[in-house]
C-alpha atoms as a PDB file:
ATOM      1  CA  MET A   1     -47.221 -41.620  30.905  1.00  0.00           C
ATOM      2  CA  VAL A   2     -45.541 -39.555  33.623  1.00  0.00           C
ATOM      3  CA  GLU A   3     -42.280 -39.631  31.684  1.00  0.00           C
ATOM      4  CA  THR A   4     -44.118 -38.473  28.557  1.00  0.00           C
ATOM      5  CA  VAL A   5     -45.666 -35.573  30.428  1.00  0.00           C
ATOM      6  CA  THR A   6     -42.305 -34.686  31.939  1.00  0.00           C
ATOM      7  CA  THR A   7     -40.736 -34.708  28.486  1.00  0.00           C
ATOM      8  CA  ILE A   8     -43.495 -32.450  27.144  1.00  0.00           C
ATOM      9  CA  VAL A   9     -43.055 -30.097  30.091  1.00  0.00           C
ATOM     10  CA  ASN A  10     -39.307 -29.959  29.501  1.00  0.00           C
ATOM     11  CA  GLU A  11     -39.820 -29.243  25.810  1.00  0.00           C
ATOM     12  CA  VAL A  12     -42.283 -26.488  26.658  1.00  0.00           C
ATOM     13  CA  THR A  13     -39.740 -25.076  29.092  1.00  0.00           C
ATOM     14  CA  ILE A  14     -37.040 -25.121  26.412  1.00  0.00           C
ATOM     15  CA  ILE A  15     -39.407 -23.345  24.023  1.00  0.00           C
ATOM     16  CA  GLN A  16     -40.134 -20.744  26.688  1.00  0.00           C
ATOM     17  CA  SER A  17     -36.407 -20.293  27.290  1.00  0.00           C
ATOM     18  CA  THR A  18     -35.865 -19.847  23.568  1.00  0.00           C
ATOM     19  CA  LEU A  19     -38.778 -17.451  23.273  1.00  0.00           C
ATOM     20  CA  GLY A  20     -37.782 -15.320  26.231  1.00  0.00           C
ATOM     21  CA  ASP A  21     -39.911 -13.075  28.424  1.00  0.00           C
ATOM     22  CA  VAL A  22     -42.746 -11.626  26.342  1.00  0.00           C
ATOM     23  CA  ASP A  23     -43.086  -8.780  28.871  1.00  0.00           C
ATOM     24  CA  ASP A  24     -39.696  -7.501  27.651  1.00  0.00           C
ATOM     25  CA  LEU A  25     -40.845  -7.269  24.014  1.00  0.00           C
ATOM     26  CA  ASP A  26     -40.408  -3.625  22.922  1.00  0.00           C
ATOM     27  CA  VAL A  27     -42.699  -3.675  19.898  1.00  0.00           C
ATOM     28  CA  PHE A  28     -45.958  -4.529  21.746  1.00  0.00           C
ATOM     29  CA  ASP A  29     -48.273  -1.931  23.195  1.00  0.00           C
ATOM     30  CA  GLU A  30     -49.738  -2.306  26.689  1.00  0.00           C
ATOM     31  CA  SER A  31     -52.764  -4.393  25.648  1.00  0.00           C
ATOM     32  CA  GLU A  32     -50.657  -6.742  23.549  1.00  0.00           C
ATOM     33  CA  THR A  33     -48.133  -7.103  26.354  1.00  0.00           C
ATOM     34  CA  ALA A  34     -50.914  -7.953  28.809  1.00  0.00           C
ATOM     35  CA  ARG A  35     -52.298 -10.645  26.504  1.00  0.00           C
ATOM     36  CA  SER A  36     -48.835 -12.074  25.881  1.00  0.00           C
ATOM     37  CA  ALA A  37     -48.112 -12.099  29.603  1.00  0.00           C
ATOM     38  CA  ALA A  38     -51.369 -13.988  30.241  1.00  0.00           C
ATOM     39  CA  VAL A  39     -50.443 -16.566  27.619  1.00  0.00           C
ATOM     40  CA  SER A  40     -46.976 -16.903  29.115  1.00  0.00           C
ATOM     41  CA  THR A  41     -48.402 -17.364  32.629  1.00  0.00           C
ATOM     42  CA  SER A  42     -50.895 -19.961  31.503  1.00  0.00           C
ATOM     43  CA  ALA A  43     -48.137 -21.807  29.684  1.00  0.00           C
ATOM     44  CA  GLN A  44     -46.018 -21.906  32.817  1.00  0.00           C
ATOM     45  CA  SER A  45     -48.747 -23.335  35.108  1.00  0.00           C
ATOM     46  CA  TYR A  46     -51.116 -26.114  34.034  1.00  0.00           C
ATOM     47  CA  THR A  47     -52.486 -29.506  35.129  1.00  0.00           C
ATOM     48  CA  VAL A  48     -52.373 -32.731  33.166  1.00  0.00           C
ATOM     49  CA  GLN A  49     -54.865 -35.541  33.930  1.00  0.00           C
ATOM     50  CA  VAL A  50     -53.212 -38.961  33.817  1.00  0.00           C
ATOM     51  CA  GLY A  51     -55.263 -42.140  33.371  1.00  0.00           C
ATOM     52  CA  GLY A  52     -58.731 -42.617  34.746  1.00  0.00           C
ATOM     53  CA  THR A  53     -57.990 -42.674  38.453  1.00  0.00           C
ATOM     54  CA  GLY A  54     -58.441 -38.978  38.934  1.00  0.00           C
ATOM     55  CA  ASN A  55     -54.825 -38.492  39.884  1.00  0.00           C
ATOM     56  CA  ALA A  56     -53.189 -35.452  38.324  1.00  0.00           C
ATOM     57  CA  ILE A  57     -49.687 -34.218  37.859  1.00  0.00           C
ATOM     58  CA  ARG A  58     -49.235 -30.443  38.121  1.00  0.00           C
ATOM     59  CA  SER A  59     -46.257 -29.003  36.321  1.00  0.00           C
ATOM     60  CA  GLY A  60     -45.006 -25.419  36.577  1.00  0.00           C
ATOM     61  CA  PRO A  61     -41.865 -23.360  36.422  1.00  0.00           C
ATOM     62  CA  SER A  62     -40.268 -25.571  39.051  1.00  0.00           C
ATOM     63  CA  ALA A  63     -40.193 -28.431  36.558  1.00  0.00           C
ATOM     64  CA  ALA A  64     -38.224 -26.404  34.017  1.00  0.00           C
ATOM     65  CA  GLN A  65     -34.627 -27.093  33.218  1.00  0.00           C
ATOM     66  CA  PRO A  66     -32.194 -24.455  34.498  1.00  0.00           C
ATOM     67  CA  ARG A  67     -30.994 -21.933  31.945  1.00  0.00           C
ATOM     68  CA  ALA A  68     -27.381 -22.022  30.879  1.00  0.00           C
ATOM     69  CA  GLU A  69     -27.058 -18.235  30.624  1.00  0.00           C
ATOM     70  CA  THR A  70     -28.718 -15.267  32.309  1.00  0.00           C
ATOM     71  CA  GLY A  71     -28.630 -11.494  31.852  1.00  0.00           C
ATOM     72  CA  PRO A  72     -28.394  -9.432  28.664  1.00  0.00           C
ATOM     73  CA  VAL A  73     -26.323 -12.009  26.808  1.00  0.00           C
ATOM     74  CA  ALA A  74     -28.909 -14.689  27.463  1.00  0.00           C
ATOM     75  CA  SER A  75     -31.803 -12.400  26.497  1.00  0.00           C
ATOM     76  CA  GLN A  76     -30.116 -11.547  23.204  1.00  0.00           C
ATOM     77  CA  ARG A  77     -30.168 -15.255  22.308  1.00  0.00           C
ATOM     78  CA  THR A  78     -33.938 -15.516  22.753  1.00  0.00           C
ATOM     79  CA  ILE A  79     -36.514 -14.671  20.111  1.00  0.00           C
ATOM     80  CA  VAL A  80     -37.760 -11.747  22.195  1.00  0.00           C
ATOM     81  CA  GLY A  81     -34.198 -10.495  22.648  1.00  0.00           C
ATOM     82  CA  ALA A  82     -33.535 -10.755  18.906  1.00  0.00           C
ATOM     83  CA  ILE A  83     -36.755  -8.862  18.153  1.00  0.00           C
ATOM     84  CA  ASN A  84     -35.780  -6.159  20.645  1.00  0.00           C
ATOM     85  CA  MET A  85     -32.332  -5.859  19.068  1.00  0.00           C
ATOM     86  CA  ASN A  86     -33.933  -5.579  15.628  1.00  0.00           C
ATOM     87  CA  THR A  87     -36.349  -2.946  16.955  1.00  0.00           C
ATOM     88  CA  ALA A  88     -33.443  -0.946  18.397  1.00  0.00           C
ATOM     89  CA  SER A  89     -31.631  -1.156  15.055  1.00  0.00           C
ATOM     90  CA  ILE A  90     -34.761   0.041  13.238  1.00  0.00           C
ATOM     91  CA  ASN A  91     -35.061   2.973  15.651  1.00  0.00           C
ATOM     92  CA  GLN A  92     -31.408   3.862  15.058  1.00  0.00           C
ATOM     93  CA  ASN A  93     -31.967   3.681  11.307  1.00  0.00           C
ATOM     94  CA  GLU A  94     -35.017   5.932  11.620  1.00  0.00           C
ATOM     95  CA  ASP A  95     -32.953   8.469  13.569  1.00  0.00           C
ATOM     96  CA  ALA A  96     -30.237   8.292  10.935  1.00  0.00           C
ATOM     97  CA  ILE A  97     -32.829   8.746   8.178  1.00  0.00           C
ATOM     98  CA  GLN A  98     -34.229  11.814   9.940  1.00  0.00           C
ATOM     99  CA  LEU A  99     -30.731  13.282  10.300  1.00  0.00           C
ATOM    100  CA  ASN A 100     -30.050  12.522   6.658  1.00  0.00           C
ATOM    101  CA  ALA A 101     -33.335  14.168   5.651  1.00  0.00           C
ATOM    102  CA  ALA A 102     -32.398  17.262   7.651  1.00  0.00           C
ATOM    103  CA  SER A 103     -28.987  17.324   5.949  1.00  0.00           C
ATOM    104  CA  ILE A 104     -30.664  16.970   2.550  1.00  0.00           C
ATOM    105  CA  ASP A 105     -32.955  19.921   3.344  1.00  0.00           C
ATOM    106  CA  ALA A 106     -29.957  22.017   4.417  1.00  0.00           C
ATOM    107  CA  ASN A 107     -28.063  21.037   1.267  1.00  0.00           C
ATOM    108  CA  SER A 108     -31.112  21.911  -0.833  1.00  0.00           C
ATOM    109  CA  LEU A 109     -31.139  25.397   0.671  1.00  0.00           C
ATOM    110  CA  ARG A 110     -27.425  25.777  -0.046  1.00  0.00           C
ATOM    111  CA  ILE A 111     -27.908  24.527  -3.604  1.00  0.00           C
ATOM    112  CA  ASN A 112     -30.774  26.982  -4.161  1.00  0.00           C
ATOM    113  CA  SER A 113     -28.582  29.779  -2.815  1.00  0.00           C
ATOM    114  CA  LEU A 114     -25.718  28.735  -5.100  1.00  0.00           C
ATOM    115  CA  GLU A 115     -28.088  28.576  -8.076  1.00  0.00           C
ATOM    116  CA  SER A 116     -29.274  32.120  -7.348  1.00  0.00           C
ATOM    117  CA  GLN A 117     -25.680  33.295  -7.048  1.00  0.00           C
ATOM    118  CA  TYR A 118     -24.851  31.491 -10.292  1.00  0.00           C
ATOM    119  CA  VAL A 119     -27.705  33.277 -12.096  1.00  0.00           C
ATOM    120  CA  LEU A 120     -26.493  36.646 -10.793  1.00  0.00           C
ATOM    121  CA  LEU A 121     -22.901  35.814 -11.730  1.00  0.00           C
ATOM    122  CA  ASN A 122     -23.965  34.615 -15.179  1.00  0.00           C
ATOM    123  CA  ASP A 123     -25.898  37.853 -15.773  1.00  0.00           C
ATOM    124  CA  SER A 124     -22.889  39.852 -14.601  1.00  0.00           C
ATOM    125  CA  VAL A 125     -20.560  37.928 -16.931  1.00  0.00           C
ATOM    126  CA  ARG A 126     -22.903  38.486 -19.880  1.00  0.00           C
ATOM    127  CA  ALA A 127     -23.120  42.198 -19.103  1.00  0.00           C
ATOM    128  CA  SER A 128     -19.334  42.380 -18.814  1.00  0.00           C
ATOM    129  CA  THR A 129     -18.971  40.506 -22.122  1.00  0.00           C
ATOM    130  CA  ARG A 130     -21.285  42.950 -23.862  1.00  0.00           C
ATOM    131  CA  ARG A 131     -19.366  45.850 -22.370  1.00  0.00           C
ATOM    132  CA  ILE A 132     -16.055  44.361 -23.530  1.00  0.00           C
ATOM    133  CA  LYS A 133     -17.478  44.039 -27.061  1.00  0.00           C
ATOM    134  CA  GLU A 134     -18.503  47.667 -26.947  1.00  0.00           C
ATOM    135  CA  VAL A 135     -15.024  48.709 -25.778  1.00  0.00           C
ATOM    136  CA  GLU A 136     -13.388  46.621 -28.504  1.00  0.00           C
ATOM    137  CA  GLY A 137     -15.650  48.236 -31.126  1.00  0.00           C
ATOM    138  CA  GLY A 138     -14.822  51.674 -29.747  1.00  0.00           C
ATOM    139  CA  LEU A 139     -11.098  50.919 -29.870  1.00  0.00           C
ATOM    140  CA  ALA A 140     -11.434  49.804 -33.490  1.00  0.00           C
ATOM    141  CA  ALA A 141     -13.266  53.066 -34.291  1.00  0.00           C
ATOM    142  CA  VAL A 142     -10.591  55.140 -32.564  1.00  0.00           C
ATOM    143  CA  SER A 143      -7.811  53.292 -34.374  1.00  0.00           C
ATOM    144  CA  SER A 144      -9.434  54.181 -37.722  1.00  0.00           C
ATOM    145  CA  MET A 145      -9.505  57.953 -37.058  1.00  0.00           C
ATOM    146  CA  PRO A 146      -7.229  59.803 -39.600  1.00  0.00           C
ATOM    147  CA  ASP A 147      -4.706  62.445 -38.552  1.00  0.00           C
ATOM    148  CA  LEU A 148      -5.645  66.125 -38.893  1.00  0.00           C
ATOM    149  CA  TYR A 149      -3.023  68.293 -40.518  1.00  0.00           C
ATOM    150  CA  LEU A 150      -2.531  70.760 -43.386  1.00  0.00           C
ATOM    151  CA  GLU A 151       0.570  71.152 -45.455  1.00  0.00           C
ATOM    152  CA  LYS A 152       1.988  74.635 -45.973  1.00  0.00           C
ATOM    153  CA  GLY A 153      -0.088  76.515 -48.483  1.00  0.00           C
ATOM    154  CA  GLU A 154      -3.149  74.170 -48.188  1.00  0.00           C
ATOM    155  CA  SER A 155      -6.493  75.672 -47.172  1.00  0.00           C
ATOM    156  CA  MET A 156      -8.392  72.364 -46.741  1.00  0.00           C
ATOM    157  CA  SER A 157      -7.753  68.624 -46.737  1.00  0.00           C
ATOM    158  CA  VAL A 158      -9.858  65.460 -46.550  1.00  0.00           C
ATOM    159  CA  ALA A 159      -8.555  62.115 -45.230  1.00  0.00           C
ATOM    160  CA  ALA A 160      -9.898  58.591 -44.677  1.00  0.00           C
ATOM    161  CA  ALA A 161      -8.562  55.581 -42.775  1.00  0.00           C
ATOM    162  CA  ILE A 162      -9.338  51.972 -41.918  1.00  0.00           C
ATOM    163  CA  GLY A 163      -8.361  50.544 -38.551  1.00  0.00           C
ATOM    164  CA  GLY A 164      -9.087  47.510 -36.443  1.00  0.00           C
ATOM    165  CA  TYR A 165      -8.876  45.951 -33.009  1.00  0.00           C
ATOM    166  CA  ASP A 166      -8.957  42.172 -32.632  1.00  0.00           C
ATOM    167  CA  ASP A 167     -11.784  41.071 -34.983  1.00  0.00           C
ATOM    168  CA  ASN A 168     -13.375  44.558 -35.151  1.00  0.00           C
ATOM    169  CA  ILE A 169     -12.883  46.751 -38.237  1.00  0.00           C
ATOM    170  CA  GLY A 170     -13.414  50.535 -38.170  1.00  0.00           C
ATOM    171  CA  PHE A 171     -13.706  53.267 -40.823  1.00  0.00           C
ATOM    172  CA  GLY A 172     -12.968  56.956 -40.290  1.00  0.00           C
ATOM    173  CA  THR A 173     -12.856  60.266 -42.168  1.00  0.00           C
ATOM    174  CA  ALA A 174     -11.400  63.659 -41.355  1.00  0.00           C
ATOM    175  CA  ILE A 175     -11.669  67.209 -42.728  1.00  0.00           C
ATOM    176  CA  SER A 176      -9.207  69.989 -41.997  1.00  0.00           C
ATOM    177  CA  VAL A 177      -9.861  73.668 -42.819  1.00  0.00           C
ATOM    178  CA  ARG A 178      -7.506  76.669 -42.594  1.00  0.00           C
ATOM    179  CA  ALA A 179      -9.319  79.755 -41.302  1.00  0.00           C
ATOM    180  CA  ASN A 180      -6.295  82.035 -41.800  1.00  0.00           C
ATOM    181  CA  GLN A 181      -2.548  81.864 -41.789  1.00  0.00           C
ATOM    182  CA  ASN A 182      -2.406  80.915 -38.089  1.00  0.00           C
ATOM    183  CA  VAL A 183      -5.724  79.151 -37.311  1.00  0.00           C
ATOM    184  CA  THR A 184      -6.914  75.707 -38.510  1.00  0.00           C
ATOM    185  CA  PHE A 185      -9.897  73.527 -37.619  1.00  0.00           C
ATOM    186  CA  GLY A 186     -10.583  69.838 -38.104  1.00  0.00           C
ATOM    187  CA  VAL A 187     -13.367  67.267 -37.619  1.00  0.00           C
ATOM    188  CA  VAL A 188     -12.894  63.479 -37.389  1.00  0.00           C
ATOM    189  CA  ALA A 189     -15.588  60.777 -37.315  1.00  0.00           C
ATOM    190  CA  ALA A 190     -15.163  56.965 -37.154  1.00  0.00           C
ATOM    191  CA  HIS A 191     -17.444  53.952 -36.878  1.00  0.00           C
ATOM    192  CA  SER A 192     -16.999  50.223 -36.014  1.00  0.00           C
ATOM    193  CA  ASN A 193     -19.600  47.492 -35.358  1.00  0.00           C
ATOM    194  CA  GLY A 194     -22.349  49.865 -34.212  1.00  0.00           C
ATOM    195  CA  HIS A 195     -20.000  52.043 -32.171  1.00  0.00           C
ATOM    196  CA  SER A 196     -18.926  55.558 -33.187  1.00  0.00           C
ATOM    197  CA  ALA A 197     -16.143  57.899 -32.188  1.00  0.00           C
ATOM    198  CA  GLY A 198     -15.291  61.451 -33.183  1.00  0.00           C
ATOM    199  CA  LYS A 199     -13.439  64.604 -32.281  1.00  0.00           C
ATOM    200  CA  LEU A 200     -13.270  68.283 -33.107  1.00  0.00           C
ATOM    201  CA  GLN A 201      -9.829  69.865 -33.194  1.00  0.00           C
ATOM    202  CA  GLY A 202      -8.548  73.430 -33.452  1.00  0.00           C
ATOM    203  CA  ARG A 203      -5.015  74.694 -33.874  1.00  0.00           C
ATOM    204  CA  ILE A 204      -3.391  78.100 -33.598  1.00  0.00           C
ATOM    205  CA  GLY A 205       0.150  78.654 -34.825  1.00  0.00           C
ATOM    206  CA  TRP A 206       2.464  81.649 -35.250  1.00  0.00           C
END
């Protein structure tokens, strides 16, 4: 019977060595640690009644087998040490998640800023495109303006022209009038894609 009790005590000691010190468990609060410590203490000191003679064998930490390893390396190979390592890894992951969340927030602000800049740039490009269309229409109108001139002996002339710029087509007309032998006047008007151009010209010769 004594050998059986000794074997049980040794097995309990091995289990305790595998479990580790519950007081070192990081995930328990103070009340849980106190309860675990009480359980650990009671497990390390107890009395076993043998037979009916009233004799007892008391076993405690002194009956335990010596540990093969001590220190941090040994604690890492216990259940408590493994739990603590897992807890530390979880805490590191939580810190990394918080840093990542902060980076995501900063990137969101940058993205919102870029989107605002894109909207402004897009509006500017559209305005510039409209302005370019207007300039192209004006150039087509100008290219369709006829020349103003009078041949010798003519008192008035009328002219028309068609011009274009890129895919814009313009139409223009002109009228020239001789006021006297030395003075002439002329008016030119042209139109292209909603854009108009014109000029008034006078000439004095002698």
